[in-house]
Protein backbone atom coordinates (compact mmCIF):
# COMPACT_ATOMS: atom_id res chain seq x y z
CA MET A 1 90.34 82.72 56.12
CA LYS A 2 89.29 84.63 59.21
CA LEU A 3 87.25 82.58 61.66
CA PHE A 4 84.76 85.38 61.91
CA ASP A 5 84.12 88.87 60.56
CA ARG A 6 83.07 91.48 63.10
CA ARG A 7 81.90 94.06 60.58
CA LEU A 8 78.39 95.39 61.17
CA ALA A 9 75.64 96.00 58.66
CA GLY A 10 75.46 99.35 56.94
CA ARG A 11 79.09 99.85 55.90
CA ARG A 12 80.02 103.43 55.27
CA ALA A 13 81.86 104.68 52.24
CA VAL A 14 85.53 105.62 52.50
CA VAL A 15 85.86 109.34 53.23
CA PRO A 16 89.01 111.00 51.83
CA ILE A 17 90.90 113.29 54.19
CA ALA A 18 93.67 115.80 53.56
CA ALA A 19 96.99 114.18 52.73
CA MET A 20 99.00 114.63 55.91
CA PHE A 21 101.68 111.98 55.63
CA ALA A 22 102.64 111.28 59.21
CA ALA A 23 104.90 108.26 59.42
CA ALA A 24 104.43 106.06 62.31
CA LEU A 25 107.27 104.02 64.46
CA LEU A 26 107.47 97.02 65.13
CA ALA A 27 106.55 96.81 67.24
CA ALA A 28 106.67 98.70 69.29
CA CYS A 29 105.68 99.88 72.49
CA THR A 30 104.41 103.29 73.61
CA SER A 31 105.43 102.60 77.18
CA SER A 32 108.86 101.62 78.47
CA SER A 33 109.89 100.29 81.83
CA GLY A 34 112.84 101.92 83.55
CA ASN A 35 114.55 100.43 86.57
CA GLY A 36 113.50 103.33 88.75
CA SER A 37 117.02 104.67 89.29
CA SER A 38 117.85 108.31 88.71
CA ALA A 39 120.75 109.84 86.82
CA SER A 40 122.05 111.71 89.84
CA GLY A 41 125.80 111.52 90.16
CA SER A 42 126.37 111.51 86.39
CA SER A 43 128.52 114.18 84.82
CA VAL A 44 125.95 116.65 83.52
CA ALA A 45 127.08 119.44 81.21
CA ALA A 46 125.37 122.68 82.14
CA ALA A 47 121.98 122.67 80.42
CA GLY A 48 121.80 125.56 77.98
CA ASP A 49 125.51 125.41 77.10
CA ASN A 50 126.07 126.18 73.44
CA GLY A 51 125.43 123.06 71.36
CA VAL A 52 124.94 120.66 74.28
CA ILE A 53 121.94 118.38 74.77
CA ASN A 54 121.27 116.89 78.20
CA TRP A 55 118.65 114.29 77.38
CA ALA A 56 116.58 112.65 80.13
CA ASP A 57 115.03 109.32 79.19
CA TYR A 58 113.30 106.96 81.59
CA GLN A 59 113.96 104.05 79.25
CA ASP A 60 116.81 101.71 80.02
CA GLN A 61 117.89 101.10 76.43
CA PRO A 62 119.43 97.60 76.63
CA ASN A 63 120.00 97.17 72.91
CA TRP A 64 121.47 99.54 70.33
CA ASP A 65 121.28 97.33 67.26
CA PRO A 66 118.68 98.88 64.91
CA VAL A 67 117.87 95.48 63.42
CA VAL A 68 116.96 94.08 66.84
CA VAL A 69 115.24 97.19 68.21
CA GLY A 70 113.08 97.47 65.09
CA ALA A 71 110.84 100.34 64.05
CA THR A 72 109.83 101.31 67.58
CA SER A 73 109.82 104.42 69.74
CA ALA A 74 113.35 103.48 70.87
CA THR A 75 114.65 104.48 67.45
CA GLN A 76 114.43 108.08 68.65
CA LEU A 77 117.55 107.23 70.63
CA LEU A 78 119.15 105.33 67.77
CA SER A 79 118.61 108.21 65.32
CA THR A 80 121.48 110.09 66.94
CA ILE A 81 123.98 107.38 65.95
CA TYR A 82 122.47 105.73 62.87
CA GLU A 83 121.23 107.24 59.62
CA PRO A 84 118.63 105.83 57.20
CA LEU A 85 118.88 105.59 53.44
CA PHE A 86 116.10 108.16 53.12
CA THR A 87 114.18 110.38 55.49
CA LEU A 88 110.62 111.63 55.61
CA GLU A 89 109.88 115.29 55.01
CA PRO A 90 107.23 117.13 57.07
CA ASN A 91 104.81 116.83 54.13
CA GLY A 92 105.26 113.05 54.14
CA THR A 93 107.34 112.74 51.00
CA VAL A 94 110.56 110.72 50.94
CA GLY A 95 113.73 112.83 51.01
CA PRO A 96 117.47 112.08 50.72
CA ALA A 97 119.76 110.94 53.52
CA LEU A 98 122.57 108.41 52.90
CA ALA A 99 120.96 107.82 49.51
CA GLU A 100 120.16 110.60 47.10
CA SER A 101 117.46 108.96 44.97
CA TYR A 102 115.57 105.82 44.02
CA ALA A 103 113.95 104.67 40.78
CA TYR A 104 111.47 101.91 39.93
CA ASN A 105 111.67 99.84 36.78
CA LYS A 106 108.72 99.98 34.37
CA ALA A 107 107.16 96.84 35.83
CA GLY A 108 107.21 98.22 39.37
CA ASN A 109 108.90 95.09 40.74
CA ALA A 110 112.45 96.41 41.20
CA VAL A 111 113.98 99.53 42.76
CA THR A 112 117.45 100.97 42.14
CA ILE A 113 118.89 103.03 45.00
CA THR A 114 121.58 105.63 44.30
CA LEU A 115 123.83 106.37 47.28
CA LYS A 116 125.76 109.53 48.00
CA SER A 117 129.41 108.89 47.21
CA GLY A 118 132.36 109.11 49.58
CA LEU A 119 130.49 108.65 52.86
CA LYS A 120 131.92 106.65 55.76
CA PHE A 121 130.64 105.08 58.92
CA GLN A 122 131.98 106.43 62.20
CA ASP A 123 134.64 103.68 62.27
CA GLY A 124 135.98 104.75 58.85
CA SER A 125 134.46 101.91 56.82
CA PRO A 126 132.67 102.95 53.60
CA VAL A 127 128.94 103.57 53.28
CA ASN A 128 128.65 101.89 49.90
CA ALA A 129 126.43 99.47 48.05
CA ALA A 130 128.08 96.47 49.68
CA ALA A 131 127.29 97.92 53.12
CA VAL A 132 123.63 98.38 52.16
CA VAL A 133 123.41 94.79 50.88
CA PHE A 134 124.98 93.56 54.12
CA ASN A 135 122.41 95.44 56.20
CA VAL A 136 119.47 94.24 54.08
CA ASN A 137 120.61 90.63 54.33
CA ARG A 138 121.08 91.01 58.08
CA ILE A 139 117.54 92.37 58.39
CA LYS A 140 116.13 89.46 56.44
CA THR A 141 118.16 86.61 57.97
CA GLN A 142 119.35 87.52 61.46
CA THR A 143 117.51 85.32 63.94
CA ASN A 144 116.49 88.15 66.27
CA SER A 145 115.71 90.68 63.53
CA ALA A 146 112.61 92.72 64.37
CA LEU A 147 112.41 94.09 60.82
CA LYS A 148 111.87 90.88 58.83
CA ALA A 149 108.15 91.44 58.33
CA LEU A 150 108.69 95.01 57.15
CA TRP A 151 111.11 93.81 54.47
CA GLN A 152 109.14 90.70 53.52
CA ASP A 153 108.30 91.95 50.02
CA VAL A 154 111.98 92.48 49.12
CA ALA A 155 113.31 89.31 47.45
CA SER A 156 116.98 90.27 47.18
CA ALA A 157 119.52 93.10 47.29
CA THR A 158 122.46 93.32 44.86
CA ALA A 159 125.34 95.81 44.65
CA LEU A 160 125.53 96.98 41.01
CA ASP A 161 128.58 99.14 41.71
CA ASP A 162 129.86 101.23 44.61
CA THR A 163 126.87 103.59 44.71
CA HIS A 164 123.96 101.61 43.26
CA VAL A 165 121.88 98.89 44.87
CA LEU A 166 119.20 96.86 43.09
CA LEU A 167 116.27 95.63 45.17
CA LYS A 168 114.27 92.91 43.45
CA LEU A 169 110.74 92.68 44.78
CA LYS A 170 108.51 89.63 45.04
CA SER A 171 105.83 91.46 43.06
CA VAL A 172 104.75 94.98 42.17
CA ASP A 173 105.08 97.11 45.30
CA TYR A 174 105.16 100.92 45.25
CA GLN A 175 105.28 101.17 49.06
CA ILE A 176 108.97 100.20 49.35
CA PRO A 177 110.28 103.81 49.62
CA TYR A 178 108.70 104.05 53.07
CA ILE A 179 110.59 100.93 54.14
CA LEU A 180 113.80 102.65 52.99
CA ALA A 181 113.10 105.71 55.13
CA ASN A 182 113.73 106.48 58.79
CA ARG A 183 113.23 103.71 61.32
CA SER A 184 113.37 100.58 59.18
CA SER A 185 116.56 101.40 57.24
CA LEU A 186 119.04 102.62 59.87
CA LEU A 187 122.42 101.32 58.70
CA ALA A 188 125.09 99.86 61.00
CA SER A 189 128.76 99.45 60.15
CA GLU A 190 129.52 95.93 58.90
CA GLN A 191 132.74 95.92 60.94
CA ALA A 192 130.77 96.62 64.12
CA ALA A 193 127.85 94.32 63.25
CA GLU A 194 130.12 91.31 62.67
CA ASN A 195 129.77 90.91 66.42
CA PRO A 196 126.11 91.81 67.04
CA ASN A 197 126.45 91.45 70.80
CA LYS A 198 129.23 94.03 70.82
CA LEU A 199 127.16 96.33 68.59
CA ASN A 200 124.25 95.95 71.00
CA THR A 201 125.97 96.54 74.29
CA GLU A 202 129.40 98.10 73.81
CA LEU A 203 129.92 100.36 70.82
CA PRO A 204 127.07 101.22 68.44
CA VAL A 205 128.52 102.41 65.10
CA GLY A 206 126.48 104.03 62.35
CA ALA A 207 126.73 106.92 59.92
CA GLY A 208 124.45 109.32 61.79
CA PRO A 209 125.11 112.84 63.05
CA PHE A 210 126.75 111.78 66.35
CA LYS A 211 129.29 109.13 67.34
CA VAL A 212 129.64 107.34 70.66
CA VAL A 213 132.35 108.62 73.01
CA SER A 214 131.45 106.62 76.11
CA TYR A 215 128.70 104.27 77.22
CA THR A 216 127.70 102.94 80.63
CA PRO A 217 124.87 100.43 80.06
CA GLY A 218 121.66 101.36 81.83
CA SER A 219 123.02 104.73 82.94
CA GLU A 220 124.51 107.10 80.35
CA ILE A 221 125.75 107.38 76.79
CA THR A 222 127.76 110.38 75.57
CA LEU A 223 127.95 111.36 71.91
CA GLU A 224 129.89 113.95 69.94
CA LYS A 225 129.20 115.46 66.55
CA TYR A 226 130.45 113.25 63.70
CA ASP A 227 132.20 115.46 61.16
CA GLY A 228 131.89 112.79 58.47
CA TYR A 229 128.08 112.98 58.52
CA TRP A 230 126.62 113.74 55.10
CA ASP A 231 124.90 116.92 56.38
CA ALA A 232 127.44 117.88 59.07
CA LYS A 233 127.31 121.54 58.07
CA ASP A 234 123.71 121.68 59.28
CA VAL A 235 124.32 119.94 62.63
CA HIS A 236 124.84 122.64 65.27
CA VAL A 237 124.85 120.44 68.36
CA GLN A 238 128.34 119.44 69.51
CA THR A 239 127.64 117.07 72.40
CA VAL A 240 124.73 114.85 73.45
CA HIS A 241 124.51 113.36 76.94
CA ILE A 242 121.70 110.78 77.16
CA PHE A 243 120.82 109.83 80.73
CA LEU A 244 119.01 106.50 80.85
CA SER A 245 116.67 105.04 83.47
CA VAL A 246 115.79 108.48 84.82
CA ASP A 247 113.07 108.19 87.45
CA PRO A 248 109.91 109.72 85.88
CA ALA A 249 109.04 111.18 89.28
CA THR A 250 112.17 113.38 89.17
CA LEU A 251 112.03 114.29 85.48
CA LEU A 252 110.08 117.53 85.80
CA GLN A 253 112.31 118.80 88.61
CA GLY A 254 115.38 118.04 86.50
CA LEU A 255 113.95 120.07 83.63
CA GLN A 256 112.95 122.94 85.92
CA THR A 257 116.39 123.18 87.52
CA GLY A 258 118.27 122.90 84.23
CA GLN A 259 119.80 119.51 84.95
CA TYR A 260 118.19 118.37 81.69
CA ASN A 261 117.21 120.39 78.65
CA PHE A 262 115.42 117.70 76.63
CA ALA A 263 112.81 115.09 77.60
CA PRO A 264 111.35 113.22 74.61
CA ASN A 265 109.00 111.10 76.74
CA LEU A 266 107.44 113.70 79.01
CA PRO A 267 104.80 112.16 81.31
CA ALA A 268 101.36 113.64 80.65
CA GLN A 269 100.97 114.72 84.27
CA ASP A 270 104.07 116.93 83.90
CA VAL A 271 102.86 118.97 80.91
CA LYS A 272 101.34 121.83 82.92
CA GLY A 273 104.33 122.02 85.24
CA ALA A 274 106.74 122.13 82.30
CA GLU A 275 104.72 124.85 80.59
CA ALA A 276 104.56 126.85 83.83
CA ALA A 277 108.36 126.64 84.03
CA GLY A 278 108.62 128.28 80.62
CA LEU A 279 109.78 125.16 78.79
CA ASN A 280 108.83 124.44 75.20
CA VAL A 281 106.31 121.59 75.29
CA SER A 282 104.96 119.74 72.26
CA THR A 283 101.54 118.14 72.60
CA SER A 284 100.88 117.66 68.88
CA SER A 285 100.28 114.22 67.38
CA ALA A 286 102.03 115.50 64.25
CA HIS A 287 105.33 114.88 66.11
CA GLY A 288 104.31 111.42 67.25
CA TRP A 289 101.54 109.49 68.92
CA GLY A 290 100.67 106.29 70.72
CA VAL A 291 97.62 104.03 70.60
CA GLU A 292 96.75 101.52 73.32
CA PHE A 293 94.78 98.43 72.34
CA LEU A 294 93.65 94.94 73.28
CA ASN A 295 94.85 91.93 71.27
CA LEU A 296 92.51 88.95 71.06
CA ASN A 297 93.73 85.57 69.80
CA THR A 298 90.85 84.08 67.80
CA ASN A 299 92.76 80.81 67.47
CA GLN A 300 92.26 80.14 71.17
CA ALA A 301 89.30 79.84 73.52
CA PRO A 302 87.32 81.80 74.46
CA PHE A 303 87.94 84.15 71.52
CA ASN A 304 87.39 81.45 68.91
CA ASN A 305 83.75 82.18 69.73
CA PRO A 306 82.79 85.43 67.92
CA HIS A 307 80.11 86.20 70.51
CA VAL A 308 82.81 86.53 73.17
CA VAL A 309 84.77 88.89 70.93
CA LYS A 310 81.68 91.03 70.43
CA ALA A 311 80.99 90.99 74.17
CA VAL A 312 84.43 92.44 74.90
CA GLU A 313 83.97 95.08 72.19
CA TYR A 314 80.64 96.23 73.62
CA ALA A 315 82.00 96.26 77.18
CA ILE A 316 84.79 98.80 76.52
CA ASN A 317 84.07 102.36 77.66
CA ARG A 318 86.71 104.33 75.77
CA GLN A 319 85.58 107.70 77.11
CA GLN A 320 86.21 106.53 80.67
CA LEU A 321 89.73 105.44 79.71
CA VAL A 322 90.39 108.81 78.07
CA SER A 323 89.02 110.89 80.96
CA GLN A 324 90.81 108.96 83.70
CA LEU A 325 94.16 108.22 82.06
CA THR A 326 95.19 110.88 79.54
CA PHE A 327 95.09 114.19 81.49
CA GLY A 328 92.89 115.78 78.84
CA LEU A 329 95.32 114.98 76.02
CA GLY A 330 93.83 111.75 74.65
CA THR A 331 91.02 110.76 72.32
CA ALA A 332 89.00 107.57 71.95
CA ALA A 333 90.51 105.23 69.34
CA TYR A 334 88.61 102.96 66.98
CA GLN A 335 91.58 102.15 64.75
CA GLU A 336 95.34 101.75 65.10
CA VAL A 337 96.20 105.30 63.94
CA PRO A 338 95.01 108.79 64.95
CA ALA A 339 93.49 111.37 62.64
CA VAL A 340 96.88 112.78 61.55
CA SER A 341 97.59 109.61 59.55
CA PRO A 342 96.48 109.27 55.91
CA LEU A 343 95.31 105.76 56.87
CA TYR A 344 92.71 107.20 59.24
CA ASN A 345 89.18 106.35 58.15
CA PRO A 346 86.40 108.44 59.75
CA ALA A 347 83.92 105.64 59.08
CA LEU A 348 85.47 103.74 61.99
CA ASN A 349 83.89 105.43 64.98
CA SER A 350 81.67 104.96 68.03
CA SER A 351 78.67 104.03 65.90
CA VAL A 352 80.57 101.04 64.54
CA PHE A 353 82.08 100.07 67.91
CA PRO A 354 79.61 101.40 70.51
CA TYR A 355 79.85 101.07 74.28
CA ASP A 356 76.81 98.95 75.14
CA PRO A 357 77.00 96.82 78.33
CA ALA A 358 73.54 95.34 77.73
CA ALA A 359 74.61 94.15 74.27
CA ALA A 360 77.78 92.69 75.80
CA LYS A 361 75.71 90.63 78.25
CA GLN A 362 73.47 89.47 75.42
CA GLN A 363 76.48 88.29 73.41
CA LEU A 364 77.68 86.24 76.38
CA LYS A 365 74.22 84.74 76.72
CA GLU A 366 74.24 83.76 73.03
CA ALA A 367 77.66 82.18 73.60
CA GLY A 368 76.13 80.06 76.36
CA ILE A 369 78.25 81.70 79.07
CA ALA A 370 76.62 82.45 82.41
CA PRO A 371 77.45 85.79 84.07
CA GLY A 372 80.63 85.55 86.14
CA SER A 373 81.53 82.07 84.90
CA LEU A 374 84.18 83.18 82.37
CA THR A 375 87.67 84.06 83.63
CA ILE A 376 90.44 85.19 81.25
CA ASN A 377 94.09 86.14 81.79
CA LEU A 378 95.11 89.56 80.47
CA ASP A 379 98.88 89.82 79.88
CA PHE A 380 100.48 93.26 79.86
CA GLN A 381 103.70 95.09 80.68
CA GLY A 382 103.77 96.65 84.13
CA SER A 383 103.78 100.20 82.77
CA LEU A 384 100.22 99.64 81.49
CA SER A 385 98.77 98.65 84.87
CA ALA A 386 96.37 101.63 85.03
CA PRO A 387 94.52 100.89 81.76
CA ALA A 388 94.62 97.17 82.59
CA GLU A 389 92.79 97.80 85.85
CA LEU A 390 90.12 99.91 84.15
CA VAL A 391 89.58 97.26 81.46
CA GLN A 392 89.26 94.70 84.24
CA GLN A 393 86.51 96.78 85.87
CA GLN A 394 84.66 97.31 82.60
CA LEU A 395 84.64 93.62 81.69
CA GLN A 396 83.68 92.59 85.20
CA ALA A 397 80.64 94.87 84.90
CA VAL A 398 79.28 92.68 82.07
CA GLY A 399 80.18 89.35 83.70
CA ILE A 400 83.72 88.63 82.48
CA ASN A 401 86.43 88.14 85.12
CA LEU A 402 90.01 89.13 84.30
CA ASN A 403 93.18 87.93 85.96
CA LEU A 404 95.76 90.68 85.43
CA VAL A 405 99.18 89.26 84.61
CA SER A 406 101.90 91.93 84.75
CA GLN A 407 105.07 90.84 82.97
CA GLN A 408 108.58 92.09 82.36
CA VAL A 409 109.34 93.15 78.79
CA ASN A 410 111.20 90.00 77.71
CA GLN A 411 108.65 87.72 79.35
CA PHE A 412 105.79 89.55 77.63
CA TYR A 413 107.44 89.42 74.21
CA ALA A 414 108.00 85.67 74.42
CA GLY A 415 104.28 84.98 73.92
CA PHE A 416 103.34 88.18 72.11
CA TYR A 417 106.00 88.07 69.39
CA ALA A 418 105.97 84.29 68.91
CA ASN A 419 106.34 82.94 65.37
CA ALA A 420 103.08 83.82 63.66
CA GLN A 421 103.24 80.79 61.40
CA ASP A 422 103.26 78.49 64.43
CA LYS A 423 100.43 80.49 66.03
CA LYS A 424 101.03 82.74 68.97
CA THR A 425 100.75 81.52 72.54
CA ASP A 426 99.09 84.45 74.32
CA SER A 427 95.31 84.69 74.18
CA PHE A 428 94.56 88.21 75.48
CA THR A 429 96.99 91.12 75.83
CA LEU A 430 97.06 94.86 76.41
CA TYR A 431 99.68 96.70 74.42
CA GLY A 432 100.57 100.07 72.94
CA TRP A 433 102.41 101.15 69.83
CA VAL A 434 103.61 104.15 67.85
CA GLY A 435 103.03 102.85 64.32
CA ARG A 436 105.37 102.45 61.36
CA ASP A 437 106.83 104.80 58.73
CA SER A 438 105.28 102.69 55.96
CA LYS A 439 101.52 102.88 55.80
CA LEU A 440 101.34 99.33 54.45
CA ALA A 441 103.62 98.09 57.25
CA THR A 442 101.34 99.83 59.75
CA LEU A 443 98.48 97.71 58.46
CA ASP A 444 100.51 94.53 58.06
CA ASP A 445 101.92 94.48 61.58
CA GLN A 446 98.43 94.72 63.04
CA PHE A 447 96.37 92.66 60.61
CA SER A 448 98.34 90.48 58.16
CA SER A 449 99.09 86.76 58.39
CA THR A 450 102.66 87.62 59.40
CA GLY A 451 101.75 90.60 61.57
CA ILE A 452 103.95 90.84 64.62
CA ILE A 453 101.13 92.59 66.52
CA ASN A 454 98.34 90.41 65.11
CA LEU A 455 97.84 88.01 68.01
CA SER A 456 95.57 85.89 65.81
CA ALA A 457 98.26 85.42 63.16
CA PRO A 458 98.48 83.59 60.82
CA THR A 459 94.73 84.17 60.67
CA THR A 460 93.76 87.20 58.61
CA SER A 461 90.76 88.32 56.57
CA ALA A 462 90.39 87.73 52.84
CA GLY A 463 89.08 91.29 52.52
CA TYR A 464 92.25 92.73 53.98
CA THR A 465 94.49 90.54 51.84
CA ALA A 466 92.80 91.84 48.69
CA ALA A 467 92.91 95.45 49.92
CA ARG A 468 96.58 95.04 50.80
CA ASP A 469 97.39 94.00 47.24
CA LYS A 470 95.61 97.11 45.98
CA VAL A 471 97.75 99.32 48.23
CA ARG A 472 100.96 97.71 46.97
CA GLU A 473 99.94 98.32 43.36
CA THR A 474 99.13 102.01 43.90
CA PRO A 475 102.00 104.51 43.34
CA LEU A 476 102.60 107.00 46.15
CA ASN A 477 101.84 109.93 43.86
CA SER A 478 98.54 108.47 42.61
CA PRO A 479 95.49 110.68 43.23
CA ASP A 480 93.75 107.53 44.48
CA TYR A 481 96.46 106.66 47.01
CA GLU A 482 94.73 108.04 50.07
CA SER A 483 91.33 106.53 49.30
CA VAL A 484 93.00 103.16 48.61
CA LEU A 485 94.71 103.35 52.01
CA GLN A 486 91.46 104.16 53.76
CA ALA A 487 89.64 101.32 52.03
CA ALA A 488 92.34 98.93 53.27
CA GLU A 489 92.03 100.41 56.76
CA LEU A 490 88.29 99.71 56.79
CA GLU A 491 88.76 96.11 55.67
CA ALA A 492 91.60 95.57 58.14
CA VAL A 493 89.90 96.90 61.26
CA GLU A 494 86.47 95.42 60.61
CA GLY A 495 87.96 92.03 59.74
CA GLY A 496 90.62 92.07 62.44
CA SER A 497 90.69 91.04 66.08
CA ASN A 498 92.34 94.00 67.84
CA ILE A 499 90.22 96.38 69.92
CA PHE A 500 91.60 99.92 70.03
CA LEU A 501 91.17 101.98 73.18
CA TYR A 502 92.64 105.48 73.08
CA SER A 503 95.25 107.62 71.37
CA THR A 504 97.61 110.17 72.94
CA PRO A 505 100.20 112.52 71.41
CA SER A 506 103.87 111.86 72.03
CA LEU A 507 104.96 114.56 74.45
CA TYR A 508 108.36 116.21 74.62
CA ALA A 509 109.86 119.22 76.34
CA THR A 510 112.90 121.34 75.51
CA ALA A 511 114.57 124.25 77.27
CA LYS A 512 114.06 127.86 76.28
CA GLY A 513 116.03 128.91 73.23
CA TRP A 514 115.66 125.65 71.32
CA SER A 515 114.45 125.76 67.77
CA ALA A 516 111.51 123.51 66.91
CA PHE A 517 111.87 120.00 65.55
CA PRO A 518 110.20 119.52 62.15
CA ALA A 519 106.82 117.83 62.44
CA ILE A 520 107.81 114.35 61.27
CA ASP A 521 105.71 111.73 63.01
CA GLY A 522 107.72 109.49 65.30
CA SER A 523 111.15 110.87 64.44
CA PHE A 524 113.54 113.54 65.61
CA ARG A 525 115.72 115.02 62.88
CA TRP A 526 118.78 116.80 64.24
CA ASN A 527 119.60 118.69 61.05
CA GLY A 528 119.17 122.43 61.58
CA LEU A 529 118.37 122.13 65.28
CA THR A 530 119.79 124.80 67.57
CA VAL A 531 119.68 124.44 71.34
CA GLY A 532 120.70 127.88 72.52
CA GLU A 533 121.85 131.27 71.43
CA GLY A 534 124.84 131.03 69.09
CA SER A 535 124.55 127.25 68.53
């Protein structure tokens, strides 16, 4: 049971919204830390050349194993090399990729996947049922798997023949197709994955649209079109150069001069400059989004006192965060998803979580805490220093002192992603994420007893547990599906311990002459894309 329930009196009814199925990307982080080096000196193909992508990314992607990377924003990079079983269509439905169909049994507790026949990984090994079973087992058992929680409701995977895989589920669960799509089902070659360290750092091998030609860790990876891809006829790009660890300060200039023709993580301050240069710039949350939030561990002092939790909630001025940090592109967030998600519940708003410094001070008084006597450490990754400093100011204004503890990625994850069953070690963190493709996984990662982003795990609310079961039992095509999701969202947020701050769209820029990516939240699909005249 939850130690406390922060829901307020006067609950509002669930309000259905239009079904816009925008999938969301474990854990994952909306901000990445590069090493500050630029890609100057690398061999750059002339931007705008027929069928050539020159991709600037300020991430230093240290790991290329999709099981380890998980369902995060980094899978945008991995989607060039690896392919999922299914993909998501712009309308949110599940479409074919390496697999052509799936079917539930009558009881709803087993799914049979039918694969396309004759496909091969980029190393020539077969994409067959045995390969799928290998990948599922690796997800569920590999020590450093970041996808275990997403696949927790799958009991076993069995190859029935070369093209059919049977997934037995622990109970009725109609949400599994979303786990089989996009970021949480990218398949790696078994031959390559037999040595996971080699797969991570030397030669990633999948069945996606492009294969690796050369790789210099931390600097550059070059890919060429893979002719054995299931939809190769619709891939018009011939070569992809991905330049890693690009200095964000030089990114706009590189786009303006033609050094790069694609930037999937465009800094918000560069949007106007990119538009002025005639580049195509996407600022729509339909293509992706990020939400920043505070994690409170209610298993540890001082947050095992609900008055302290309420004090922090009342102290947060979301509008100040939006106005000072998002360059006019953000909105205040009161839940873990923006309005484009079918999970979004309009009942969660500023009236439920108001900014009220006087109420914050009163909560501290009721907790028996004198003004200025409480000091808390706030752990965060260095890339989130600006919001951390504003949160520090806002809490200090109500009498709570914060020590800001900036950490490197691996150091931060050690306490943040600790085994939920053993209770996590951090007490207060600032983090950002880009969601999950599965709506249920979006909820679970934030609020369930095994949630990788639930800092209070294994603590969860009984209300959410019951609502979660209702979601699992509701077919995706049910007319009640959206209202069931929103009911679960209400239970999760009001009974949870995360405080959401603001949401921003994922920004990307492409050169003139590019066709548009389909609006699939959190994912780039390369099928049909053209990057210049005659591509």
